[in-house]
Structures are given as C-alpha cells and as structure tokens.
C-alpha cells in the first residue's frame, strides 16, 4: 500500500452537469488528469456524485485497475484498489443509476395517469 505522500489530489474541480449521462467536461478533465499522472485520488461527498451512468463508473474502476487511481475518499468511506472496494464503489454508483432511472419511470407513470384522468396541470 502507498504512503499518504504518494497521493496527489490536484486542484479542486466542481461539476455542474448531471452525472446521469457521460460527456461531462469537468469529469472528463478529472479523468484526463488521473490518466496523465497529475492526480491519483478523488475526494467527494458521495459516490453518487461521481457517476450515475455505467460508462463513467467503468472509467473510474478501470483507472483503479490500471493503478492510476489509488483511492476515492468520501466522508464515510475510502475506496482503494482492491476487489471489495472496487465492487462497493461500482455498486454504489450503480445504485445511484437505479434510483435515477426509477425516478424517471415514476414521473412518466404519474404524468400518464394524470393525463388519463384529464388532469393536465395543477390549478
């Protein structure tokens, strides 16, 4: 295991686009910094903020597989490059995707039901 001196987190980055779809510019910048060796750790509030799509989740796990991403740190848990932590990080990001997908289904079903009942908007 690496010593804390081996970790390089770089400058703080803030993303304003949703993590639902790939193609977020700040996320891509962060991945580029890690791939170039300019950063090798991520600190964030919650894994769901990292990714809610399978492409970005896969990119993060693959960076760990390559040894380029050493850890992902949240206030409650640190994920390092071992099978269990990568599984848990993947699971938490995938759970966030599930919750996001379920919200979409629920909203569409609710709107469909309102339209069927003749309720197109609230008065």
N, C-alpha and C. Protein backbone atom coordinates (compact mmCIF):
# COMPACT_ATOMS: atom_id res chain seq x y z
N UNK A 1 0.84 -1.18 0.00
CA UNK A 1 0.00 0.00 0.00
C UNK A 1 0.88 1.25 0.00
N UNK A 2 0.43 2.28 -0.65
CA UNK A 2 1.18 3.52 -0.77
C UNK A 2 1.10 4.33 0.51
N UNK A 3 2.11 5.15 0.72
CA UNK A 3 2.05 6.08 1.85
C UNK A 3 1.26 7.31 1.42
N UNK A 4 0.78 8.06 2.39
CA UNK A 4 -0.03 9.24 2.08
C UNK A 4 0.74 10.25 1.23
N UNK A 5 2.07 10.26 1.31
CA UNK A 5 2.87 11.18 0.50
C UNK A 5 2.76 10.86 -1.00
N UNK A 6 2.37 9.63 -1.33
CA UNK A 6 2.26 9.23 -2.73
C UNK A 6 0.97 9.73 -3.38
N UNK A 7 0.03 10.25 -2.59
CA UNK A 7 -1.24 10.68 -3.13
C UNK A 7 -1.16 12.10 -3.65
N UNK A 8 -1.76 12.32 -4.82
CA UNK A 8 -1.80 13.65 -5.42
C UNK A 8 -3.23 13.90 -5.86
N UNK A 9 -3.90 14.84 -5.20
CA UNK A 9 -5.30 15.12 -5.50
C UNK A 9 -5.50 16.29 -6.45
N UNK A 10 -4.47 17.04 -6.75
CA UNK A 10 -4.61 18.15 -7.68
C UNK A 10 -5.50 19.25 -7.13
N UNK A 11 -5.95 20.11 -8.02
CA UNK A 11 -6.81 21.23 -7.65
C UNK A 11 -8.27 20.78 -7.57
N UNK A 12 -9.05 21.41 -6.69
CA UNK A 12 -10.48 21.06 -6.61
C UNK A 12 -11.20 21.35 -7.93
N UNK A 13 -12.07 20.46 -8.31
CA UNK A 13 -12.89 20.62 -9.51
C UNK A 13 -14.35 20.57 -9.10
N UNK A 14 -15.18 21.34 -9.79
CA UNK A 14 -16.61 21.33 -9.48
C UNK A 14 -17.39 21.17 -10.77
N UNK A 15 -18.23 20.15 -10.82
CA UNK A 15 -19.04 19.83 -11.99
C UNK A 15 -20.46 20.35 -11.78
N UNK A 16 -21.00 20.99 -12.82
CA UNK A 16 -22.38 21.47 -12.71
C UNK A 16 -23.35 20.61 -13.51
N UNK A 17 -22.84 19.79 -14.42
CA UNK A 17 -23.71 18.92 -15.21
C UNK A 17 -24.08 17.67 -14.44
N UNK A 18 -25.23 17.11 -14.75
CA UNK A 18 -25.70 15.89 -14.11
C UNK A 18 -24.79 14.72 -14.44
N UNK A 19 -24.65 13.82 -13.47
CA UNK A 19 -23.83 12.61 -13.66
C UNK A 19 -24.63 11.50 -14.33
N UNK A 20 -25.84 11.82 -14.79
CA UNK A 20 -26.70 10.80 -15.39
C UNK A 20 -26.15 10.29 -16.73
N UNK A 21 -25.54 11.17 -17.51
CA UNK A 21 -25.04 10.78 -18.83
C UNK A 21 -23.54 11.05 -18.94
N UNK A 22 -22.84 10.24 -19.73
CA UNK A 22 -21.42 10.52 -19.99
C UNK A 22 -21.26 11.83 -20.76
N UNK A 23 -20.06 12.37 -20.74
CA UNK A 23 -19.78 13.57 -21.53
C UNK A 23 -19.75 14.84 -20.70
N UNK A 24 -19.51 14.71 -19.41
CA UNK A 24 -19.39 15.91 -18.56
C UNK A 24 -17.97 16.46 -18.70
N UNK A 25 -17.83 17.74 -19.04
CA UNK A 25 -16.49 18.28 -19.29
C UNK A 25 -15.56 18.24 -18.07
N UNK A 26 -16.05 18.55 -16.89
CA UNK A 26 -15.18 18.56 -15.71
C UNK A 26 -14.80 17.14 -15.31
N UNK A 27 -15.74 16.20 -15.41
CA UNK A 27 -15.43 14.80 -15.14
C UNK A 27 -14.35 14.31 -16.11
N UNK A 28 -14.51 14.64 -17.39
CA UNK A 28 -13.51 14.24 -18.40
C UNK A 28 -12.15 14.85 -18.10
N UNK A 29 -12.14 16.11 -17.65
CA UNK A 29 -10.88 16.77 -17.26
C UNK A 29 -10.23 16.02 -16.09
N UNK A 30 -11.05 15.63 -15.10
CA UNK A 30 -10.53 14.91 -13.95
C UNK A 30 -9.92 13.57 -14.38
N UNK A 31 -10.63 12.84 -15.23
CA UNK A 31 -10.11 11.56 -15.72
C UNK A 31 -8.80 11.77 -16.48
N UNK A 32 -8.74 12.83 -17.30
CA UNK A 32 -7.50 13.13 -18.04
C UNK A 32 -6.34 13.39 -17.08
N UNK A 33 -6.60 14.15 -16.01
CA UNK A 33 -5.54 14.43 -15.03
C UNK A 33 -5.04 13.14 -14.39
N UNK A 34 -5.95 12.23 -14.09
CA UNK A 34 -5.56 10.95 -13.49
C UNK A 34 -4.79 10.11 -14.50
N UNK A 35 -5.26 10.06 -15.75
CA UNK A 35 -4.58 9.28 -16.78
C UNK A 35 -3.16 9.80 -17.04
N UNK A 36 -2.98 11.13 -16.92
CA UNK A 36 -1.67 11.75 -17.14
C UNK A 36 -0.75 11.64 -15.92
N UNK A 37 -1.29 11.15 -14.80
CA UNK A 37 -0.49 11.03 -13.59
C UNK A 37 -0.40 12.32 -12.78
N UNK A 38 -1.20 13.31 -13.12
CA UNK A 38 -1.19 14.58 -12.40
C UNK A 38 -2.05 14.54 -11.15
N UNK A 39 -2.89 13.54 -11.04
CA UNK A 39 -3.70 13.29 -9.84
C UNK A 39 -3.89 11.79 -9.75
N UNK A 40 -4.06 11.28 -8.53
CA UNK A 40 -4.28 9.85 -8.38
C UNK A 40 -5.28 9.53 -7.28
N UNK A 41 -6.05 10.55 -6.88
CA UNK A 41 -7.08 10.36 -5.88
C UNK A 41 -8.25 11.29 -6.13
N UNK A 42 -9.40 10.89 -5.63
CA UNK A 42 -10.62 11.70 -5.76
C UNK A 42 -11.23 11.83 -4.37
N UNK A 43 -11.58 13.05 -4.00
CA UNK A 43 -12.30 13.31 -2.75
C UNK A 43 -13.65 13.89 -3.15
N UNK A 44 -14.72 13.30 -2.62
CA UNK A 44 -16.06 13.79 -2.93
C UNK A 44 -17.01 13.47 -1.79
N UNK A 45 -18.16 14.09 -1.82
CA UNK A 45 -19.13 13.94 -0.75
C UNK A 45 -19.79 12.56 -0.77
N UNK A 46 -20.12 12.07 -1.96
CA UNK A 46 -20.88 10.83 -2.08
C UNK A 46 -20.55 10.18 -3.41
N UNK A 47 -20.38 8.85 -3.47
CA UNK A 47 -20.10 8.20 -4.76
C UNK A 47 -21.15 8.49 -5.83
N UNK A 48 -22.38 8.77 -5.43
CA UNK A 48 -23.42 9.07 -6.42
C UNK A 48 -23.11 10.36 -7.18
N UNK A 49 -22.28 11.22 -6.61
CA UNK A 49 -21.88 12.46 -7.29
C UNK A 49 -20.83 12.17 -8.35
N UNK A 50 -20.16 11.04 -8.24
CA UNK A 50 -19.11 10.68 -9.19
C UNK A 50 -19.70 10.19 -10.50
N UNK A 51 -20.71 9.33 -10.40
CA UNK A 51 -21.29 8.77 -11.61
C UNK A 51 -22.66 8.17 -11.33
N UNK A 52 -23.56 8.41 -12.28
CA UNK A 52 -24.86 7.73 -12.29
C UNK A 52 -25.08 7.11 -13.67
N UNK A 53 -23.97 6.76 -14.31
CA UNK A 53 -24.06 6.08 -15.61
C UNK A 53 -22.95 5.05 -15.68
N UNK A 54 -23.19 4.01 -16.45
CA UNK A 54 -22.27 2.88 -16.48
C UNK A 54 -20.94 3.20 -17.16
N UNK A 55 -20.94 4.12 -18.11
CA UNK A 55 -19.70 4.46 -18.82
C UNK A 55 -18.71 5.12 -17.87
N UNK A 56 -19.15 6.16 -17.16
CA UNK A 56 -18.25 6.86 -16.25
C UNK A 56 -17.84 5.97 -15.07
N UNK A 57 -18.76 5.17 -14.57
CA UNK A 57 -18.41 4.24 -13.49
C UNK A 57 -17.32 3.28 -13.96
N UNK A 58 -17.48 2.76 -15.15
CA UNK A 58 -16.47 1.86 -15.72
C UNK A 58 -15.12 2.53 -15.87
N UNK A 59 -15.12 3.80 -16.26
CA UNK A 59 -13.86 4.54 -16.42
C UNK A 59 -13.13 4.66 -15.08
N UNK A 60 -13.89 4.95 -14.02
CA UNK A 60 -13.29 5.09 -12.69
C UNK A 60 -12.70 3.76 -12.22
N UNK A 61 -13.47 2.69 -12.36
CA UNK A 61 -12.99 1.38 -11.92
C UNK A 61 -11.77 0.96 -12.74
N UNK A 62 -11.78 1.25 -14.04
CA UNK A 62 -10.65 0.89 -14.89
C UNK A 62 -9.39 1.66 -14.51
N UNK A 63 -9.55 2.93 -14.12
CA UNK A 63 -8.39 3.70 -13.65
C UNK A 63 -7.79 3.05 -12.41
N UNK A 64 -8.64 2.49 -11.55
CA UNK A 64 -8.13 1.76 -10.38
C UNK A 64 -7.43 0.48 -10.83
N UNK A 65 -8.05 -0.24 -11.78
CA UNK A 65 -7.43 -1.47 -12.29
C UNK A 65 -6.03 -1.20 -12.84
N UNK A 66 -5.85 -0.06 -13.48
CA UNK A 66 -4.57 0.31 -14.07
C UNK A 66 -3.56 0.81 -13.03
N UNK A 67 -4.02 1.05 -11.80
CA UNK A 67 -3.14 1.58 -10.77
C UNK A 67 -2.94 3.08 -10.87
N UNK A 68 -3.72 3.74 -11.70
CA UNK A 68 -3.60 5.20 -11.87
C UNK A 68 -4.43 5.96 -10.83
N UNK A 69 -5.53 5.37 -10.40
CA UNK A 69 -6.38 5.96 -9.36
C UNK A 69 -6.18 5.12 -8.10
N UNK A 70 -5.58 5.73 -7.08
CA UNK A 70 -5.23 4.99 -5.88
C UNK A 70 -6.36 4.93 -4.87
N UNK A 71 -7.16 6.01 -4.78
CA UNK A 71 -8.27 5.97 -3.83
C UNK A 71 -9.33 7.00 -4.17
N UNK A 72 -10.55 6.67 -3.74
CA UNK A 72 -11.69 7.57 -3.81
C UNK A 72 -12.15 7.72 -2.36
N UNK A 73 -12.16 8.97 -1.89
CA UNK A 73 -12.44 9.24 -0.48
C UNK A 73 -13.75 10.00 -0.33
N UNK A 74 -14.61 9.50 0.56
CA UNK A 74 -15.82 10.20 0.95
C UNK A 74 -15.73 10.43 2.47
N UNK A 75 -16.62 11.24 3.04
CA UNK A 75 -16.56 11.42 4.49
C UNK A 75 -16.78 10.13 5.27
N UNK A 76 -17.39 9.14 4.65
CA UNK A 76 -17.78 7.93 5.36
C UNK A 76 -16.98 6.69 4.99
N UNK A 77 -16.28 6.75 3.85
CA UNK A 77 -15.61 5.55 3.36
C UNK A 77 -14.50 5.93 2.40
N UNK A 78 -13.46 5.13 2.40
CA UNK A 78 -12.38 5.27 1.44
C UNK A 78 -12.34 4.00 0.60
N UNK A 79 -12.31 4.17 -0.70
CA UNK A 79 -12.25 3.04 -1.63
C UNK A 79 -10.84 3.00 -2.22
N UNK A 80 -10.19 1.86 -2.07
CA UNK A 80 -8.85 1.70 -2.64
C UNK A 80 -8.91 0.59 -3.70
N UNK A 81 -7.76 0.37 -4.33
CA UNK A 81 -7.70 -0.60 -5.42
C UNK A 81 -7.60 -2.02 -4.88
N UNK A 82 -8.74 -2.52 -4.39
CA UNK A 82 -8.82 -3.94 -4.07
C UNK A 82 -10.20 -4.42 -4.55
N UNK A 83 -10.36 -5.71 -4.75
CA UNK A 83 -11.60 -6.21 -5.33
C UNK A 83 -12.85 -5.78 -4.57
N UNK A 84 -12.83 -5.83 -3.25
CA UNK A 84 -14.02 -5.48 -2.47
C UNK A 84 -14.37 -4.01 -2.62
N UNK A 85 -13.38 -3.12 -2.48
CA UNK A 85 -13.65 -1.69 -2.57
C UNK A 85 -14.13 -1.29 -3.98
N UNK A 86 -13.51 -1.88 -5.00
CA UNK A 86 -13.97 -1.57 -6.37
C UNK A 86 -15.40 -2.07 -6.58
N UNK A 87 -15.70 -3.22 -6.05
CA UNK A 87 -17.07 -3.74 -6.14
C UNK A 87 -18.05 -2.80 -5.45
N UNK A 88 -17.71 -2.37 -4.23
CA UNK A 88 -18.60 -1.49 -3.47
C UNK A 88 -18.78 -0.13 -4.16
N UNK A 89 -17.71 0.44 -4.69
CA UNK A 89 -17.80 1.71 -5.40
C UNK A 89 -18.68 1.56 -6.63
N UNK A 90 -18.46 0.48 -7.37
CA UNK A 90 -19.28 0.19 -8.55
C UNK A 90 -20.75 0.02 -8.14
N UNK A 91 -20.99 -0.70 -7.06
CA UNK A 91 -22.34 -0.94 -6.58
C UNK A 91 -23.03 0.37 -6.19
N UNK A 92 -22.33 1.24 -5.47
CA UNK A 92 -22.93 2.50 -5.04
C UNK A 92 -23.24 3.41 -6.22
N UNK A 93 -22.37 3.45 -7.21
CA UNK A 93 -22.64 4.25 -8.42
C UNK A 93 -23.80 3.63 -9.20
N UNK A 94 -23.84 2.32 -9.29
CA UNK A 94 -24.92 1.63 -9.99
C UNK A 94 -26.24 1.81 -9.25
N UNK A 95 -26.21 1.81 -7.94
CA UNK A 95 -27.41 2.07 -7.15
C UNK A 95 -27.94 3.48 -7.42
N UNK A 96 -27.04 4.45 -7.54
CA UNK A 96 -27.45 5.81 -7.87
C UNK A 96 -28.10 5.86 -9.26
N UNK A 97 -27.58 5.07 -10.19
CA UNK A 97 -28.19 4.98 -11.53
C UNK A 97 -29.58 4.39 -11.43
N UNK A 98 -29.73 3.33 -10.66
CA UNK A 98 -31.04 2.70 -10.47
C UNK A 98 -32.05 3.70 -9.91
N UNK A 99 -31.66 4.43 -8.87
CA UNK A 99 -32.56 5.41 -8.26
C UNK A 99 -32.95 6.49 -9.27
N UNK A 100 -31.99 6.93 -10.06
CA UNK A 100 -32.26 7.94 -11.08
C UNK A 100 -33.21 7.40 -12.15
N UNK A 101 -32.96 6.18 -12.61
CA UNK A 101 -33.82 5.55 -13.61
C UNK A 101 -35.24 5.35 -13.07
N UNK A 102 -35.34 4.94 -11.80
CA UNK A 102 -36.66 4.74 -11.20
C UNK A 102 -37.44 6.04 -11.09
N UNK A 103 -36.76 7.15 -10.78
CA UNK A 103 -37.44 8.45 -10.72
C UNK A 103 -38.05 8.79 -12.07
N UNK A 104 -37.31 8.53 -13.12
CA UNK A 104 -37.80 8.82 -14.47
C UNK A 104 -39.06 8.02 -14.77
N UNK A 105 -39.05 6.75 -14.44
CA UNK A 105 -40.21 5.88 -14.67
C UNK A 105 -41.41 6.36 -13.85
N UNK A 106 -41.17 6.69 -12.60
CA UNK A 106 -42.24 7.13 -11.71
C UNK A 106 -42.88 8.42 -12.21
N UNK A 107 -42.07 9.37 -12.63
CA UNK A 107 -42.60 10.64 -13.14
C UNK A 107 -43.42 10.40 -14.40
N UNK A 108 -42.92 9.62 -15.32
CA UNK A 108 -43.65 9.34 -16.56
C UNK A 108 -44.97 8.62 -16.27
N UNK A 109 -44.94 7.64 -15.36
CA UNK A 109 -46.16 6.93 -15.00
C UNK A 109 -47.18 7.88 -14.36
N UNK A 110 -46.72 8.76 -13.49
CA UNK A 110 -47.61 9.71 -12.83
C UNK A 110 -48.23 10.68 -13.84
N UNK A 111 -47.43 11.17 -14.76
CA UNK A 111 -47.95 12.09 -15.78
C UNK A 111 -48.96 11.39 -16.70
N UNK A 112 -48.66 10.13 -17.04
CA UNK A 112 -49.57 9.36 -17.87
C UNK A 112 -50.92 9.16 -17.17
N UNK A 113 -50.86 8.85 -15.88
CA UNK A 113 -52.08 8.65 -15.09
C UNK A 113 -52.88 9.95 -14.98
N UNK A 114 -52.21 11.07 -14.74
CA UNK A 114 -52.89 12.36 -14.68
C UNK A 114 -53.57 12.68 -16.00
N UNK A 115 -52.86 12.45 -17.10
CA UNK A 115 -53.44 12.73 -18.42
C UNK A 115 -54.65 11.84 -18.68
N UNK A 116 -54.56 10.59 -18.28
CA UNK A 116 -55.67 9.65 -18.45
C UNK A 116 -56.90 10.10 -17.66
N UNK A 117 -56.65 10.72 -16.50
CA UNK A 117 -57.74 11.20 -15.66
C UNK A 117 -58.19 12.61 -16.05
N UNK A 118 -57.56 13.18 -17.08
CA UNK A 118 -57.94 14.51 -17.53
C UNK A 118 -57.31 15.64 -16.74
N UNK A 119 -56.31 15.35 -15.94
CA UNK A 119 -55.62 16.37 -15.16
C UNK A 119 -54.29 16.69 -15.86
N UNK A 120 -54.27 17.82 -16.55
CA UNK A 120 -53.08 18.16 -17.33
C UNK A 120 -52.14 19.09 -16.58
N UNK A 121 -52.65 19.83 -15.62
CA UNK A 121 -51.80 20.67 -14.78
C UNK A 121 -52.57 21.02 -13.52
N UNK A 122 -51.80 21.38 -12.51
CA UNK A 122 -52.45 21.75 -11.25
C UNK A 122 -52.95 23.18 -11.36
N UNK A 123 -54.12 23.46 -10.72
CA UNK A 123 -54.66 24.81 -10.78
C UNK A 123 -54.21 25.64 -9.62
